[in-house]
Amino acid sequence: MMNPPAVSVIIPFFNAEKFGGRLKIYDNVKNSKAAVTRNKDLQISRGEYVFFFDADDLA
């Protein structure tokens, strides 16, 4: 049995290049703005900890 991930990272973006690999992409049908997207993604995240990272944030 696989353990759930320890961390979920939520990066809302619109009209941005898609990434592959271990990332899961959830598309909005329309541009729902960041707050709506974050709330939706919080419901589907599986990590024990959740980190929000916006397109204009520096890591």
PDB file of N, CA and C in Angstrom:
ATOM      1  N   MET A   1       0.835  -1.183   0.000  1.00  0.00           N
ATOM      2  CA  MET A   1       0.000   0.000   0.000  1.00  0.00           C
ATOM      3  C   MET A   1       0.877   1.242   0.000  1.00  0.00           C
ATOM      4  N   MET A   2       0.554   2.187  -0.859  1.00  0.00           N
ATOM      5  CA  MET A   2       1.347   3.394  -1.013  1.00  0.00           C
ATOM      6  C   MET A   2       0.882   4.461  -0.023  1.00  0.00           C
ATOM      7  N   ASN A   3       1.816   5.117   0.648  1.00  0.00           N
ATOM      8  CA  ASN A   3       1.490   6.195   1.581  1.00  0.00           C
ATOM      9  C   ASN A   3       1.125   7.451   0.816  1.00  0.00           C
ATOM     10  N   PRO A   4       0.222   8.268   1.344  1.00  0.00           N
ATOM     11  CA  PRO A   4      -0.079   9.542   0.683  1.00  0.00           C
ATOM     12  C   PRO A   4       1.140  10.453   0.757  1.00  0.00           C
ATOM     13  N   PRO A   5       1.250  11.403  -0.163  1.00  0.00           N
ATOM     14  CA  PRO A   5       2.404  12.299  -0.127  1.00  0.00           C
ATOM     15  C   PRO A   5       2.400  13.145   1.143  1.00  0.00           C
ATOM     16  N   ALA A   6       3.579  13.518   1.588  1.00  0.00           N
ATOM     17  CA  ALA A   6       3.687  14.340   2.790  1.00  0.00           C
ATOM     18  C   ALA A   6       3.309  15.783   2.501  1.00  0.00           C
ATOM     19  N   VAL A   7       3.577  16.244   1.275  1.00  0.00           N
ATOM     20  CA  VAL A   7       3.352  17.641   0.929  1.00  0.00           C
ATOM     21  C   VAL A   7       2.614  17.730  -0.395  1.00  0.00           C
ATOM     22  N   SER A   8       1.615  18.611  -0.463  1.00  0.00           N
ATOM     23  CA  SER A   8       0.969  18.973  -1.721  1.00  0.00           C
ATOM     24  C   SER A   8       1.329  20.419  -2.006  1.00  0.00           C
ATOM     25  N   VAL A   9       1.794  20.702  -3.211  1.00  0.00           N
ATOM     26  CA  VAL A   9       2.130  22.061  -3.620  1.00  0.00           C
ATOM     27  C   VAL A   9       1.092  22.487  -4.651  1.00  0.00           C
ATOM     28  N   ILE A  10       0.410  23.585  -4.397  1.00  0.00           N
ATOM     29  CA  ILE A  10      -0.634  24.078  -5.279  1.00  0.00           C
ATOM     30  C   ILE A  10      -0.129  25.341  -5.959  1.00  0.00           C
ATOM     31  N   ILE A  11      -0.081  25.302  -7.292  1.00  0.00           N
ATOM     32  CA  ILE A  11       0.390  26.434  -8.085  1.00  0.00           C
ATOM     33  C   ILE A  11      -0.704  26.795  -9.085  1.00  0.00           C
ATOM     34  N   PRO A  12      -1.560  27.767  -8.754  1.00  0.00           N
ATOM     35  CA  PRO A  12      -2.569  28.156  -9.728  1.00  0.00           C
ATOM     36  C   PRO A  12      -1.926  28.942 -10.868  1.00  0.00           C
ATOM     37  N   PHE A  13      -2.291  28.612 -12.095  1.00  0.00           N
ATOM     38  CA  PHE A  13      -1.807  29.359 -13.246  1.00  0.00           C
ATOM     39  C   PHE A  13      -2.849  29.314 -14.339  1.00  0.00           C
ATOM     40  N   PHE A  14      -2.788  30.265 -15.244  1.00  0.00           N
ATOM     41  CA  PHE A  14      -3.701  30.346 -16.372  1.00  0.00           C
ATOM     42  C   PHE A  14      -2.896  30.699 -17.597  1.00  0.00           C
ATOM     43  N   ASN A  15      -3.146  29.980 -18.682  1.00  0.00           N
ATOM     44  CA  ASN A  15      -2.417  30.190 -19.938  1.00  0.00           C
ATOM     45  C   ASN A  15      -0.911  30.053 -19.748  1.00  0.00           C
ATOM     46  N   ALA A  16      -0.498  29.086 -18.977  1.00  0.00           N
ATOM     47  CA  ALA A  16       0.921  28.845 -18.756  1.00  0.00           C
ATOM     48  C   ALA A  16       1.286  27.478 -19.332  1.00  0.00           C
ATOM     49  N   GLU A  17       2.553  27.270 -19.556  1.00  0.00           N
ATOM     50  CA  GLU A  17       3.037  25.999 -20.103  1.00  0.00           C
ATOM     51  C   GLU A  17       2.800  24.873 -19.103  1.00  0.00           C
ATOM     52  N   LYS A  18       2.377  23.705 -19.603  1.00  0.00           N
ATOM     53  CA  LYS A  18       2.112  22.560 -18.722  1.00  0.00           C
ATOM     54  C   LYS A  18       3.397  21.799 -18.428  1.00  0.00           C
ATOM     55  N   PHE A  19       3.421  21.187 -17.278  1.00  0.00           N
ATOM     56  CA  PHE A  19       4.567  20.415 -16.829  1.00  0.00           C
ATOM     57  C   PHE A  19       4.163  18.955 -16.685  1.00  0.00           C
ATOM     58  N   GLY A  20       5.125  18.037 -16.772  1.00  0.00           N
ATOM     59  CA  GLY A  20       4.812  16.617 -16.682  1.00  0.00           C
ATOM     60  C   GLY A  20       5.489  15.978 -15.506  1.00  0.00           C
ATOM     61  N   GLY A  21       5.716  14.692 -15.609  1.00  0.00           N
ATOM     62  CA  GLY A  21       6.395  13.952 -14.548  1.00  0.00           C
ATOM     63  C   GLY A  21       5.476  13.636 -13.390  1.00  0.00           C
ATOM     64  N   ARG A  22       5.926  13.955 -12.196  1.00  0.00           N
ATOM     65  CA  ARG A  22       5.173  13.614 -10.980  1.00  0.00           C
ATOM     66  C   ARG A  22       4.083  14.620 -10.655  1.00  0.00           C
ATOM     67  N   LEU A  23       3.967  15.660 -11.452  1.00  0.00           N
ATOM     68  CA  LEU A  23       2.943  16.667 -11.191  1.00  0.00           C
ATOM     69  C   LEU A  23       1.610  16.237 -11.775  1.00  0.00           C
ATOM     70  N   LYS A  24       0.543  16.590 -11.093  1.00  0.00           N
ATOM     71  CA  LYS A  24      -0.802  16.347 -11.606  1.00  0.00           C
ATOM     72  C   LYS A  24      -1.392  17.697 -11.985  1.00  0.00           C
ATOM     73  N   ILE A  25      -1.898  17.772 -13.189  1.00  0.00           N
ATOM     74  CA  ILE A  25      -2.475  19.009 -13.686  1.00  0.00           C
ATOM     75  C   ILE A  25      -3.995  18.892 -13.648  1.00  0.00           C
ATOM     76  N   TYR A  26      -4.651  19.835 -13.004  1.00  0.00           N
ATOM     77  CA  TYR A  26      -6.107  19.904 -12.961  1.00  0.00           C
ATOM     78  C   TYR A  26      -6.511  21.184 -13.667  1.00  0.00           C
ATOM     79  N   ASP A  27      -7.186  21.043 -14.777  1.00  0.00           N
ATOM     80  CA  ASP A  27      -7.579  22.203 -15.574  1.00  0.00           C
ATOM     81  C   ASP A  27      -8.921  22.758 -15.122  1.00  0.00           C
ATOM     82  N   ASN A  28      -9.007  24.083 -15.082  1.00  0.00           N
ATOM     83  CA  ASN A  28     -10.295  24.752 -14.927  1.00  0.00           C
ATOM     84  C   ASN A  28     -10.872  24.948 -16.320  1.00  0.00           C
ATOM     85  N   VAL A  29     -12.169  24.854 -16.429  1.00  0.00           N
ATOM     86  CA  VAL A  29     -12.821  25.071 -17.719  1.00  0.00           C
ATOM     87  C   VAL A  29     -12.640  26.524 -18.159  1.00  0.00           C
ATOM     88  N   LYS A  30     -12.657  27.439 -17.196  1.00  0.00           N
ATOM     89  CA  LYS A  30     -12.435  28.857 -17.489  1.00  0.00           C
ATOM     90  C   LYS A  30     -11.497  29.420 -16.430  1.00  0.00           C
ATOM     91  N   ASN A  31     -11.048  30.636 -16.630  1.00  0.00           N
ATOM     92  CA  ASN A  31     -10.187  31.298 -15.654  1.00  0.00           C
ATOM     93  C   ASN A  31     -11.027  31.620 -14.422  1.00  0.00           C
ATOM     94  N   SER A  32     -10.851  30.841 -13.363  1.00  0.00           N
ATOM     95  CA  SER A  32     -11.666  30.985 -12.155  1.00  0.00           C
ATOM     96  C   SER A  32     -11.024  31.861 -11.096  1.00  0.00           C
ATOM     97  N   LYS A  33      -9.901  32.444 -11.403  1.00  0.00           N
ATOM     98  CA  LYS A  33      -9.146  33.266 -10.456  1.00  0.00           C
ATOM     99  C   LYS A  33      -8.505  32.390  -9.384  1.00  0.00           C
ATOM    100  N   ALA A  34      -7.501  32.926  -8.712  1.00  0.00           N
ATOM    101  CA  ALA A  34      -6.677  32.138  -7.798  1.00  0.00           C
ATOM    102  C   ALA A  34      -7.442  31.606  -6.588  1.00  0.00           C
ATOM    103  N   ALA A  35      -8.325  32.405  -5.993  1.00  0.00           N
ATOM    104  CA  ALA A  35      -9.013  31.975  -4.767  1.00  0.00           C
ATOM    105  C   ALA A  35      -9.913  30.773  -5.025  1.00  0.00           C
ATOM    106  N   VAL A  36     -10.670  30.794  -6.097  1.00  0.00           N
ATOM    107  CA  VAL A  36     -11.549  29.672  -6.432  1.00  0.00           C
ATOM    108  C   VAL A  36     -10.716  28.427  -6.735  1.00  0.00           C
ATOM    109  N   THR A  37      -9.638  28.607  -7.480  1.00  0.00           N
ATOM    110  CA  THR A  37      -8.767  27.487  -7.823  1.00  0.00           C
ATOM    111  C   THR A  37      -8.121  26.893  -6.581  1.00  0.00           C
ATOM    112  N   ARG A  38      -7.655  27.743  -5.664  1.00  0.00           N
ATOM    113  CA  ARG A  38      -7.048  27.241  -4.420  1.00  0.00           C
ATOM    114  C   ARG A  38      -8.040  26.425  -3.602  1.00  0.00           C
ATOM    115  N   ASN A  39      -9.256  26.914  -3.459  1.00  0.00           N
ATOM    116  CA  ASN A  39     -10.257  26.180  -2.690  1.00  0.00           C
ATOM    117  C   ASN A  39     -10.561  24.835  -3.323  1.00  0.00           C
ATOM    118  N   LYS A  40     -10.675  24.790  -4.632  1.00  0.00           N
ATOM    119  CA  LYS A  40     -10.924  23.528  -5.338  1.00  0.00           C
ATOM    120  C   LYS A  40      -9.748  22.564  -5.127  1.00  0.00           C
ATOM    121  N   ASP A  41      -8.539  23.094  -5.264  1.00  0.00           N
ATOM    122  CA  ASP A  41      -7.352  22.248  -5.124  1.00  0.00           C
ATOM    123  C   ASP A  41      -7.132  21.772  -3.693  1.00  0.00           C
ATOM    124  N   LEU A  42      -7.528  22.563  -2.704  1.00  0.00           N
ATOM    125  CA  LEU A  42      -7.444  22.106  -1.315  1.00  0.00           C
ATOM    126  C   LEU A  42      -8.306  20.857  -1.102  1.00  0.00           C
ATOM    127  N   GLN A  43      -9.442  20.806  -1.764  1.00  0.00           N
ATOM    128  CA  GLN A  43     -10.337  19.663  -1.631  1.00  0.00           C
ATOM    129  C   GLN A  43      -9.743  18.396  -2.233  1.00  0.00           C
ATOM    130  N   ILE A  44      -8.923  18.519  -3.282  1.00  0.00           N
ATOM    131  CA  ILE A  44      -8.379  17.327  -3.941  1.00  0.00           C
ATOM    132  C   ILE A  44      -6.934  17.032  -3.547  1.00  0.00           C
ATOM    133  N   SER A  45      -6.295  17.917  -2.760  1.00  0.00           N
ATOM    134  CA  SER A  45      -4.913  17.655  -2.335  1.00  0.00           C
ATOM    135  C   SER A  45      -4.876  16.467  -1.385  1.00  0.00           C
ATOM    136  N   ARG A  46      -3.756  15.748  -1.395  1.00  0.00           N
ATOM    137  CA  ARG A  46      -3.633  14.556  -0.567  1.00  0.00           C
ATOM    138  C   ARG A  46      -2.509  14.650   0.448  1.00  0.00           C
ATOM    139  N   GLY A  47      -1.707  15.681   0.407  1.00  0.00           N
ATOM    140  CA  GLY A  47      -0.575  15.796   1.308  1.00  0.00           C
ATOM    141  C   GLY A  47      -0.982  16.157   2.726  1.00  0.00           C
ATOM    142  N   GLU A  48      -0.154  15.765   3.657  1.00  0.00           N
ATOM    143  CA  GLU A  48      -0.391  16.133   5.051  1.00  0.00           C
ATOM    144  C   GLU A  48      -0.231  17.642   5.232  1.00  0.00           C
ATOM    145  N   TYR A  49       0.704  18.223   4.480  1.00  0.00           N
ATOM    146  CA  TYR A  49       0.947  19.659   4.487  1.00  0.00           C
ATOM    147  C   TYR A  49       0.654  20.193   3.096  1.00  0.00           C
ATOM    148  N   VAL A  50       0.139  21.421   3.029  1.00  0.00           N
ATOM    149  CA  VAL A  50      -0.182  22.054   1.749  1.00  0.00           C
ATOM    150  C   VAL A  50       0.596  23.353   1.656  1.00  0.00           C
ATOM    151  N   PHE A  51       1.227  23.562   0.509  1.00  0.00           N
ATOM    152  CA  PHE A  51       2.014  24.768   0.260  1.00  0.00           C
ATOM    153  C   PHE A  51       1.462  25.446  -0.980  1.00  0.00           C
ATOM    154  N   PHE A  52       1.151  26.733  -0.888  1.00  0.00           N
ATOM    155  CA  PHE A  52       0.692  27.506  -2.040  1.00  0.00           C
ATOM    156  C   PHE A  52       1.891  28.232  -2.639  1.00  0.00           C
ATOM    157  N   PHE A  53       2.038  28.109  -3.930  1.00  0.00           N
ATOM    158  CA  PHE A  53       3.136  28.758  -4.649  1.00  0.00           C
ATOM    159  C   PHE A  53       2.532  29.429  -5.859  1.00  0.00           C
ATOM    160  N   ASP A  54       2.585  30.756  -5.916  1.00  0.00           N
ATOM    161  CA  ASP A  54       2.013  31.497  -7.027  1.00  0.00           C
ATOM    162  C   ASP A  54       3.050  31.725  -8.123  1.00  0.00           C
ATOM    163  N   ALA A  55       2.570  32.044  -9.312  1.00  0.00           N
ATOM    164  CA  ALA A  55       3.445  32.209 -10.461  1.00  0.00           C
ATOM    165  C   ALA A  55       4.475  33.332 -10.252  1.00  0.00           C
ATOM    166  N   ASP A  56       4.144  34.314  -9.419  1.00  0.00           N
ATOM    167  CA  ASP A  56       5.078  35.429  -9.200  1.00  0.00           C
ATOM    168  C   ASP A  56       5.942  35.245  -7.941  1.00  0.00           C
ATOM    169  N   ASP A  57       5.870  34.103  -7.291  1.00  0.00           N
ATOM    170  CA  ASP A  57       6.705  33.817  -6.121  1.00  0.00           C
ATOM    171  C   ASP A  57       8.081  33.310  -6.546  1.00  0.00           C
ATOM    172  N   LEU A  58       9.085  33.590  -5.739  1.00  0.00           N
ATOM    173  CA  LEU A  58      10.441  33.100  -5.982  1.00  0.00           C
ATOM    174  C   LEU A  58      10.737  31.973  -5.014  1.00  0.00           C
ATOM    175  N   ALA A  59      11.379  30.929  -5.518  1.00  0.00           N
ATOM    176  CA  ALA A  59      11.737  29.804  -4.646  1.00  0.00           C
ATOM    177  C   ALA A  59      13.221  29.804  -4.382  1.00  0.00           C
TER     178      ALA A  59
END
